[in-house]
Amino acid sequence: MTEKQLFQPIYEIIRLRAERRKLPKKYLAEQLNQHTVRSPEDFASSAIKFMSDEGREIFLVACLSTQNELLSLHRCHIGTLDMNLVSPREVFKTAIMQNAASIIVAHNHVRSNCTPSPEDEVVTERLQQAGEIIGVELLDHLIVTSNQFISLKEKSYFY
Protein backbone atom coordinates (compact mmCIF):
# COMPACT_ATOMS: atom_id res chain seq x y z
CA MET A 1 0.00 0.00 0.00
CA THR A 2 1.43 3.35 -1.03
CA GLU A 3 1.50 6.39 1.20
CA LYS A 4 -1.08 8.06 -1.05
CA GLN A 5 -3.47 5.10 -0.66
CA LEU A 6 -2.89 5.04 3.08
CA PHE A 7 -3.98 8.66 3.52
CA GLN A 8 -7.05 8.73 1.30
CA PRO A 9 -9.72 11.05 2.65
CA ILE A 10 -12.49 9.50 4.71
CA TYR A 11 -15.94 10.89 4.14
CA GLU A 12 -18.83 10.98 6.58
CA ILE A 13 -22.47 11.31 5.63
CA ILE A 14 -23.62 14.20 7.76
CA ARG A 15 -27.24 14.51 6.74
CA LEU A 16 -29.67 12.72 4.49
CA ARG A 17 -32.54 14.75 3.14
CA ALA A 18 -36.02 13.34 2.85
CA GLU A 19 -37.74 15.21 0.08
CA ARG A 20 -41.38 16.06 0.42
CA ARG A 21 -43.80 16.79 -2.35
CA LYS A 22 -47.19 18.40 -2.31
CA LEU A 23 -50.06 15.93 -2.45
CA PRO A 24 -53.26 16.43 -4.41
CA LYS A 25 -56.08 18.04 -2.41
CA LYS A 26 -58.05 14.79 -2.11
CA TYR A 27 -55.42 13.53 0.35
CA LEU A 28 -55.50 16.58 2.58
CA ALA A 29 -58.92 16.08 4.15
CA GLU A 30 -57.33 15.05 7.44
CA GLN A 31 -54.21 16.26 9.20
CA LEU A 32 -51.95 13.22 8.91
CA ASN A 33 -49.23 14.78 11.03
CA GLN A 34 -51.65 14.84 13.99
CA HIS A 35 -52.70 11.23 13.44
CA THR A 36 -51.97 8.60 16.10
CA VAL A 37 -52.28 4.94 15.12
CA ARG A 38 -53.78 2.84 17.91
CA SER A 39 -55.25 0.01 15.85
CA PRO A 40 -55.25 -1.37 12.30
CA GLU A 41 -58.53 0.47 11.69
CA ASP A 42 -56.85 3.82 12.42
CA PHE A 43 -54.39 3.37 9.59
CA ALA A 44 -56.70 1.42 7.26
CA SER A 45 -58.98 4.42 6.74
CA SER A 46 -56.04 6.53 5.56
CA ALA A 47 -54.63 3.72 3.42
CA ILE A 48 -57.99 3.17 1.73
CA LYS A 49 -58.23 6.89 1.04
CA PHE A 50 -54.78 6.94 -0.56
CA MET A 51 -55.11 3.78 -2.66
CA SER A 52 -58.77 2.95 -3.30
CA ASP A 53 -59.01 4.51 -6.75
CA GLU A 54 -55.71 3.18 -8.09
CA GLY A 55 -55.68 0.79 -11.04
CA ARG A 56 -52.39 -0.78 -9.96
CA GLU A 57 -50.99 -2.16 -6.74
CA ILE A 58 -49.50 0.53 -4.50
CA PHE A 59 -47.29 -0.19 -1.48
CA LEU A 60 -47.56 2.40 1.30
CA VAL A 61 -45.27 2.79 4.33
CA ALA A 62 -46.37 4.67 7.45
CA CYS A 63 -43.46 5.72 9.65
CA LEU A 64 -44.40 6.03 13.33
CA SER A 65 -42.82 7.60 16.41
CA THR A 66 -42.40 5.84 19.74
CA GLN A 67 -45.92 7.10 20.65
CA ASN A 68 -47.32 5.73 17.33
CA GLU A 69 -47.76 9.23 15.91
CA LEU A 70 -47.58 9.33 12.13
CA LEU A 71 -44.26 10.88 11.09
CA SER A 72 -44.62 10.33 7.36
CA LEU A 73 -46.53 8.42 4.76
CA HIS A 74 -44.49 7.12 1.85
CA ARG A 75 -45.73 5.67 -1.43
CA CYS A 76 -42.90 3.19 -1.66
CA HIS A 77 -43.70 1.06 -4.71
CA ILE A 78 -46.08 1.18 -7.62
CA GLY A 79 -46.70 -2.22 -9.13
CA THR A 80 -48.73 -3.68 -11.94
CA LEU A 81 -52.37 -4.68 -12.05
CA ASP A 82 -51.81 -7.75 -9.89
CA MET A 83 -48.24 -7.63 -8.59
CA ASN A 84 -45.95 -5.41 -6.57
CA LEU A 85 -42.24 -6.12 -6.15
CA VAL A 86 -41.26 -4.92 -2.68
CA SER A 87 -37.72 -4.46 -1.45
CA PRO A 88 -37.06 -4.26 2.31
CA ARG A 89 -34.28 -1.82 1.51
CA GLU A 90 -36.70 0.68 -0.02
CA VAL A 91 -39.33 0.13 2.66
CA PHE A 92 -36.97 0.84 5.55
CA LYS A 93 -35.02 3.65 3.86
CA THR A 94 -37.75 6.16 4.64
CA ALA A 95 -38.19 4.82 8.18
CA ILE A 96 -34.51 5.30 8.90
CA MET A 97 -34.48 8.79 7.40
CA GLN A 98 -37.50 9.76 9.53
CA ASN A 99 -36.02 8.23 12.72
CA ALA A 100 -39.11 6.05 12.97
CA ALA A 101 -39.50 3.60 15.83
CA SER A 102 -41.86 1.40 13.84
CA ILE A 103 -43.73 1.11 10.56
CA ILE A 104 -47.04 -0.13 9.29
CA VAL A 105 -47.22 -1.11 5.64
CA ALA A 106 -50.24 -1.45 3.41
CA HIS A 107 -50.91 -2.34 -0.16
CA ASN A 108 -54.04 -2.54 -2.22
CA HIS A 109 -55.57 -5.40 -4.13
CA VAL A 110 -57.12 -3.97 -7.25
CA ARG A 111 -59.65 -6.79 -7.67
CA SER A 112 -61.52 -6.16 -4.38
CA ASN A 113 -60.28 -9.33 -2.68
CA CYS A 114 -58.34 -8.89 0.56
CA THR A 115 -57.14 -12.48 0.75
CA PRO A 116 -53.35 -12.50 1.15
CA SER A 117 -51.38 -14.22 -1.60
CA PRO A 118 -48.38 -16.45 -0.85
CA GLU A 119 -46.21 -13.54 -2.06
CA ASP A 120 -47.86 -11.22 0.48
CA GLU A 121 -46.93 -13.66 3.24
CA VAL A 122 -43.31 -13.90 2.05
CA VAL A 123 -42.96 -10.11 1.84
CA THR A 124 -44.39 -9.72 5.34
CA GLU A 125 -41.94 -12.27 6.74
CA ARG A 126 -38.98 -10.59 5.01
CA LEU A 127 -40.02 -7.14 6.27
CA GLN A 128 -40.44 -8.44 9.81
CA GLN A 129 -36.97 -10.04 9.74
CA ALA A 130 -35.35 -6.91 8.27
CA GLY A 131 -37.07 -4.72 10.86
CA GLU A 132 -35.80 -6.90 13.70
CA ILE A 133 -32.24 -6.60 12.38
CA ILE A 134 -32.26 -2.81 12.03
CA GLY A 135 -34.42 -2.03 15.06
CA VAL A 136 -37.53 -0.69 13.33
CA GLU A 137 -40.52 -2.84 14.23
CA LEU A 138 -43.07 -3.87 11.61
CA LEU A 139 -46.33 -3.39 13.52
CA ASP A 140 -48.70 -4.61 10.81
CA HIS A 141 -49.22 -5.26 7.12
CA LEU A 142 -52.64 -4.30 5.78
CA ILE A 143 -54.22 -5.34 2.51
CA VAL A 144 -56.91 -2.91 1.42
CA THR A 145 -59.54 -2.63 -1.27
CA SER A 146 -61.90 0.25 -1.98
CA ASN A 147 -64.09 -0.52 1.06
CA GLN A 148 -62.45 -3.17 3.25
CA PHE A 149 -59.13 -4.28 4.68
CA ILE A 150 -57.41 -7.20 6.37
CA SER A 151 -54.68 -7.03 9.01
CA LEU A 152 -52.09 -9.76 8.50
CA LYS A 153 -51.07 -9.45 12.15
CA GLU A 154 -54.63 -9.91 13.39
CA LYS A 155 -54.94 -12.95 11.11
CA SER A 156 -51.73 -14.36 12.68
CA TYR A 157 -49.57 -14.25 9.55
CA PHE A 158 -46.75 -12.91 11.74
CA TYR A 159 -46.05 -12.01 15.38
C-alpha atoms as a PDB file:
ATOM      1  CA  MET A   1       0.000   0.000   0.000  1.00  0.00           C
ATOM      2  CA  THR A   2       1.432   3.346  -1.025  1.00  0.00           C
ATOM      3  CA  GLU A   3       1.504   6.389   1.202  1.00  0.00           C
ATOM      4  CA  LYS A   4      -1.081   8.057  -1.052  1.00  0.00           C
ATOM      5  CA  GLN A   5      -3.471   5.102  -0.661  1.00  0.00           C
ATOM      6  CA  LEU A   6      -2.887   5.043   3.080  1.00  0.00           C
ATOM      7  CA  PHE A   7      -3.985   8.656   3.525  1.00  0.00           C
ATOM      8  CA  GLN A   8      -7.049   8.733   1.297  1.00  0.00           C
ATOM      9  CA  PRO A   9      -9.722  11.052   2.650  1.00  0.00           C
ATOM     10  CA  ILE A  10     -12.490   9.503   4.708  1.00  0.00           C
ATOM     11  CA  TYR A  11     -15.941  10.890   4.140  1.00  0.00           C
ATOM     12  CA  GLU A  12     -18.828  10.979   6.576  1.00  0.00           C
ATOM     13  CA  ILE A  13     -22.474  11.305   5.635  1.00  0.00           C
ATOM     14  CA  ILE A  14     -23.620  14.199   7.756  1.00  0.00           C
ATOM     15  CA  ARG A  15     -27.238  14.515   6.738  1.00  0.00           C
ATOM     16  CA  LEU A  16     -29.670  12.722   4.493  1.00  0.00           C
ATOM     17  CA  ARG A  17     -32.541  14.748   3.137  1.00  0.00           C
ATOM     18  CA  ALA A  18     -36.020  13.344   2.855  1.00  0.00           C
ATOM     19  CA  GLU A  19     -37.738  15.214   0.078  1.00  0.00           C
ATOM     20  CA  ARG A  20     -41.379  16.064   0.416  1.00  0.00           C
ATOM     21  CA  ARG A  21     -43.799  16.791  -2.349  1.00  0.00           C
ATOM     22  CA  LYS A  22     -47.188  18.400  -2.311  1.00  0.00           C
ATOM     23  CA  LEU A  23     -50.059  15.932  -2.450  1.00  0.00           C
ATOM     24  CA  PRO A  24     -53.261  16.429  -4.406  1.00  0.00           C
ATOM     25  CA  LYS A  25     -56.080  18.036  -2.409  1.00  0.00           C
ATOM     26  CA  LYS A  26     -58.052  14.788  -2.108  1.00  0.00           C
ATOM     27  CA  TYR A  27     -55.419  13.528   0.349  1.00  0.00           C
ATOM     28  CA  LEU A  28     -55.501  16.577   2.576  1.00  0.00           C
ATOM     29  CA  ALA A  29     -58.921  16.076   4.155  1.00  0.00           C
ATOM     30  CA  GLU A  30     -57.327  15.045   7.439  1.00  0.00           C
ATOM     31  CA  GLN A  31     -54.209  16.259   9.201  1.00  0.00           C
ATOM     32  CA  LEU A  32     -51.953  13.224   8.912  1.00  0.00           C
ATOM     33  CA  ASN A  33     -49.226  14.783  11.029  1.00  0.00           C
ATOM     34  CA  GLN A  34     -51.647  14.840  13.986  1.00  0.00           C
ATOM     35  CA  HIS A  35     -52.698  11.232  13.437  1.00  0.00           C
ATOM     36  CA  THR A  36     -51.966   8.597  16.099  1.00  0.00           C
ATOM     37  CA  VAL A  37     -52.281   4.941  15.117  1.00  0.00           C
ATOM     38  CA  ARG A  38     -53.779   2.844  17.908  1.00  0.00           C
ATOM     39  CA  SER A  39     -55.254   0.008  15.846  1.00  0.00           C
ATOM     40  CA  PRO A  40     -55.245  -1.372  12.301  1.00  0.00           C
ATOM     41  CA  GLU A  41     -58.530   0.474  11.689  1.00  0.00           C
ATOM     42  CA  ASP A  42     -56.850   3.819  12.424  1.00  0.00           C
ATOM     43  CA  PHE A  43     -54.386   3.367   9.588  1.00  0.00           C
ATOM     44  CA  ALA A  44     -56.699   1.422   7.255  1.00  0.00           C
ATOM     45  CA  SER A  45     -58.983   4.417   6.745  1.00  0.00           C
ATOM     46  CA  SER A  46     -56.042   6.532   5.558  1.00  0.00           C
ATOM     47  CA  ALA A  47     -54.632   3.719   3.418  1.00  0.00           C
ATOM     48  CA  ILE A  48     -57.990   3.170   1.726  1.00  0.00           C
ATOM     49  CA  LYS A  49     -58.231   6.892   1.043  1.00  0.00           C
ATOM     50  CA  PHE A  50     -54.785   6.940  -0.564  1.00  0.00           C
ATOM     51  CA  MET A  51     -55.114   3.777  -2.656  1.00  0.00           C
ATOM     52  CA  SER A  52     -58.771   2.952  -3.300  1.00  0.00           C
ATOM     53  CA  ASP A  53     -59.007   4.508  -6.748  1.00  0.00           C
ATOM     54  CA  GLU A  54     -55.706   3.178  -8.094  1.00  0.00           C
ATOM     55  CA  GLY A  55     -55.678   0.790 -11.045  1.00  0.00           C
ATOM     56  CA  ARG A  56     -52.387  -0.779  -9.961  1.00  0.00           C
ATOM     57  CA  GLU A  57     -50.994  -2.157  -6.735  1.00  0.00           C
ATOM     58  CA  ILE A  58     -49.502   0.527  -4.500  1.00  0.00           C
ATOM     59  CA  PHE A  59     -47.289  -0.186  -1.479  1.00  0.00           C
ATOM     60  CA  LEU A  60     -47.556   2.398   1.297  1.00  0.00           C
ATOM     61  CA  VAL A  61     -45.267   2.787   4.325  1.00  0.00           C
ATOM     62  CA  ALA A  62     -46.372   4.667   7.447  1.00  0.00           C
ATOM     63  CA  CYS A  63     -43.461   5.721   9.655  1.00  0.00           C
ATOM     64  CA  LEU A  64     -44.396   6.033  13.328  1.00  0.00           C
ATOM     65  CA  SER A  65     -42.823   7.604  16.407  1.00  0.00           C
ATOM     66  CA  THR A  66     -42.401   5.839  19.737  1.00  0.00           C
ATOM     67  CA  GLN A  67     -45.917   7.096  20.645  1.00  0.00           C
ATOM     68  CA  ASN A  68     -47.315   5.734  17.330  1.00  0.00           C
ATOM     69  CA  GLU A  69     -47.758   9.227  15.910  1.00  0.00           C
ATOM     70  CA  LEU A  70     -47.576   9.328  12.133  1.00  0.00           C
ATOM     71  CA  LEU A  71     -44.262  10.883  11.091  1.00  0.00           C
ATOM     72  CA  SER A  72     -44.620  10.334   7.360  1.00  0.00           C
ATOM     73  CA  LEU A  73     -46.528   8.417   4.761  1.00  0.00           C
ATOM     74  CA  HIS A  74     -44.486   7.121   1.846  1.00  0.00           C
ATOM     75  CA  ARG A  75     -45.727   5.669  -1.426  1.00  0.00           C
ATOM     76  CA  CYS A  76     -42.898   3.191  -1.665  1.00  0.00           C
ATOM     77  CA  HIS A  77     -43.699   1.056  -4.709  1.00  0.00           C
ATOM     78  CA  ILE A  78     -46.082   1.182  -7.623  1.00  0.00           C
ATOM     79  CA  GLY A  79     -46.696  -2.217  -9.128  1.00  0.00           C
ATOM     80  CA  THR A  80     -48.728  -3.677 -11.940  1.00  0.00           C
ATOM     81  CA  LEU A  81     -52.369  -4.681 -12.046  1.00  0.00           C
ATOM     82  CA  ASP A  82     -51.809  -7.753  -9.889  1.00  0.00           C
ATOM     83  CA  MET A  83     -48.239  -7.632  -8.592  1.00  0.00           C
ATOM     84  CA  ASN A  84     -45.949  -5.406  -6.568  1.00  0.00           C
ATOM     85  CA  LEU A  85     -42.236  -6.119  -6.148  1.00  0.00           C
ATOM     86  CA  VAL A  86     -41.264  -4.925  -2.681  1.00  0.00           C
ATOM     87  CA  SER A  87     -37.719  -4.463  -1.449  1.00  0.00           C
ATOM     88  CA  PRO A  88     -37.058  -4.263   2.313  1.00  0.00           C
ATOM     89  CA  ARG A  89     -34.276  -1.820   1.514  1.00  0.00           C
ATOM     90  CA  GLU A  90     -36.701   0.676  -0.018  1.00  0.00           C
ATOM     91  CA  VAL A  91     -39.335   0.131   2.656  1.00  0.00           C
ATOM     92  CA  PHE A  92     -36.965   0.839   5.551  1.00  0.00           C
ATOM     93  CA  LYS A  93     -35.018   3.653   3.861  1.00  0.00           C
ATOM     94  CA  THR A  94     -37.754   6.159   4.639  1.00  0.00           C
ATOM     95  CA  ALA A  95     -38.193   4.821   8.177  1.00  0.00           C
ATOM     96  CA  ILE A  96     -34.509   5.297   8.895  1.00  0.00           C
ATOM     97  CA  MET A  97     -34.475   8.789   7.396  1.00  0.00           C
ATOM     98  CA  GLN A  98     -37.499   9.756   9.528  1.00  0.00           C
ATOM     99  CA  ASN A  99     -36.022   8.230  12.720  1.00  0.00           C
ATOM    100  CA  ALA A 100     -39.105   6.049  12.966  1.00  0.00           C
ATOM    101  CA  ALA A 101     -39.504   3.601  15.834  1.00  0.00           C
ATOM    102  CA  SER A 102     -41.863   1.403  13.842  1.00  0.00           C
ATOM    103  CA  ILE A 103     -43.731   1.108  10.562  1.00  0.00           C
ATOM    104  CA  ILE A 104     -47.044  -0.130   9.287  1.00  0.00           C
ATOM    105  CA  VAL A 105     -47.220  -1.114   5.642  1.00  0.00           C
ATOM    106  CA  ALA A 106     -50.238  -1.449   3.413  1.00  0.00           C
ATOM    107  CA  HIS A 107     -50.911  -2.344  -0.157  1.00  0.00           C
ATOM    108  CA  ASN A 108     -54.038  -2.535  -2.222  1.00  0.00           C
ATOM    109  CA  HIS A 109     -55.568  -5.395  -4.133  1.00  0.00           C
ATOM    110  CA  VAL A 110     -57.125  -3.972  -7.254  1.00  0.00           C
ATOM    111  CA  ARG A 111     -59.652  -6.790  -7.669  1.00  0.00           C
ATOM    112  CA  SER A 112     -61.520  -6.160  -4.382  1.00  0.00           C
ATOM    113  CA  ASN A 113     -60.284  -9.326  -2.681  1.00  0.00           C
ATOM    114  CA  CYS A 114     -58.344  -8.886   0.560  1.00  0.00           C
ATOM    115  CA  THR A 115     -57.143 -12.484   0.750  1.00  0.00           C
ATOM    116  CA  PRO A 116     -53.345 -12.500   1.151  1.00  0.00           C
ATOM    117  CA  SER A 117     -51.383 -14.216  -1.595  1.00  0.00           C
ATOM    118  CA  PRO A 118     -48.383 -16.451  -0.852  1.00  0.00           C
ATOM    119  CA  GLU A 119     -46.208 -13.545  -2.060  1.00  0.00           C
ATOM    120  CA  ASP A 120     -47.862 -11.224   0.483  1.00  0.00           C
ATOM    121  CA  GLU A 121     -46.929 -13.659   3.242  1.00  0.00           C
ATOM    122  CA  VAL A 122     -43.307 -13.898   2.050  1.00  0.00           C
ATOM    123  CA  VAL A 123     -42.959 -10.108   1.838  1.00  0.00           C
ATOM    124  CA  THR A 124     -44.385  -9.725   5.337  1.00  0.00           C
ATOM    125  CA  GLU A 125     -41.939 -12.273   6.739  1.00  0.00           C
ATOM    126  CA  ARG A 126     -38.980 -10.586   5.011  1.00  0.00           C
ATOM    127  CA  LEU A 127     -40.021  -7.141   6.265  1.00  0.00           C
ATOM    128  CA  GLN A 128     -40.437  -8.444   9.814  1.00  0.00           C
ATOM    129  CA  GLN A 129     -36.966 -10.038   9.738  1.00  0.00           C
ATOM    130  CA  ALA A 130     -35.353  -6.910   8.271  1.00  0.00           C
ATOM    131  CA  GLY A 131     -37.065  -4.725  10.855  1.00  0.00           C
ATOM    132  CA  GLU A 132     -35.797  -6.901  13.701  1.00  0.00           C
ATOM    133  CA  ILE A 133     -32.241  -6.598  12.384  1.00  0.00           C
ATOM    134  CA  ILE A 134     -32.257  -2.809  12.034  1.00  0.00           C
ATOM    135  CA  GLY A 135     -34.420  -2.030  15.060  1.00  0.00           C
ATOM    136  CA  VAL A 136     -37.530  -0.686  13.334  1.00  0.00           C
ATOM    137  CA  GLU A 137     -40.521  -2.843  14.228  1.00  0.00           C
ATOM    138  CA  LEU A 138     -43.071  -3.869  11.611  1.00  0.00           C
ATOM    139  CA  LEU A 139     -46.335  -3.388  13.517  1.00  0.00           C
ATOM    140  CA  ASP A 140     -48.703  -4.615  10.807  1.00  0.00           C
ATOM    141  CA  HIS A 141     -49.222  -5.256   7.115  1.00  0.00           C
ATOM    142  CA  LEU A 142     -52.636  -4.304   5.778  1.00  0.00           C
ATOM    143  CA  ILE A 143     -54.217  -5.344   2.513  1.00  0.00           C
ATOM    144  CA  VAL A 144     -56.912  -2.907   1.425  1.00  0.00           C
ATOM    145  CA  THR A 145     -59.535  -2.630  -1.274  1.00  0.00           C
ATOM    146  CA  SER A 146     -61.904   0.246  -1.976  1.00  0.00           C
ATOM    147  CA  ASN A 147     -64.095  -0.517   1.056  1.00  0.00           C
ATOM    148  CA  GLN A 148     -62.454  -3.165   3.254  1.00  0.00           C
ATOM    149  CA  PHE A 149     -59.129  -4.279   4.683  1.00  0.00           C
ATOM    150  CA  ILE A 150     -57.414  -7.196   6.368  1.00  0.00           C
ATOM    151  CA  SER A 151     -54.678  -7.030   9.006  1.00  0.00           C
ATOM    152  CA  LEU A 152     -52.092  -9.764   8.500  1.00  0.00           C
ATOM    153  CA  LYS A 153     -51.069  -9.446  12.149  1.00  0.00           C
ATOM    154  CA  GLU A 154     -54.634  -9.914  13.387  1.00  0.00           C
ATOM    155  CA  LYS A 155     -54.939 -12.955  11.109  1.00  0.00           C
ATOM    156  CA  SER A 156     -51.735 -14.358  12.682  1.00  0.00           C
ATOM    157  CA  TYR A 157     -49.570 -14.254   9.554  1.00  0.00           C
ATOM    158  CA  PHE A 158     -46.753 -12.908  11.739  1.00  0.00           C
ATOM    159  CA  TYR A 159     -46.053 -12.008  15.375  1.00  0.00           C
END
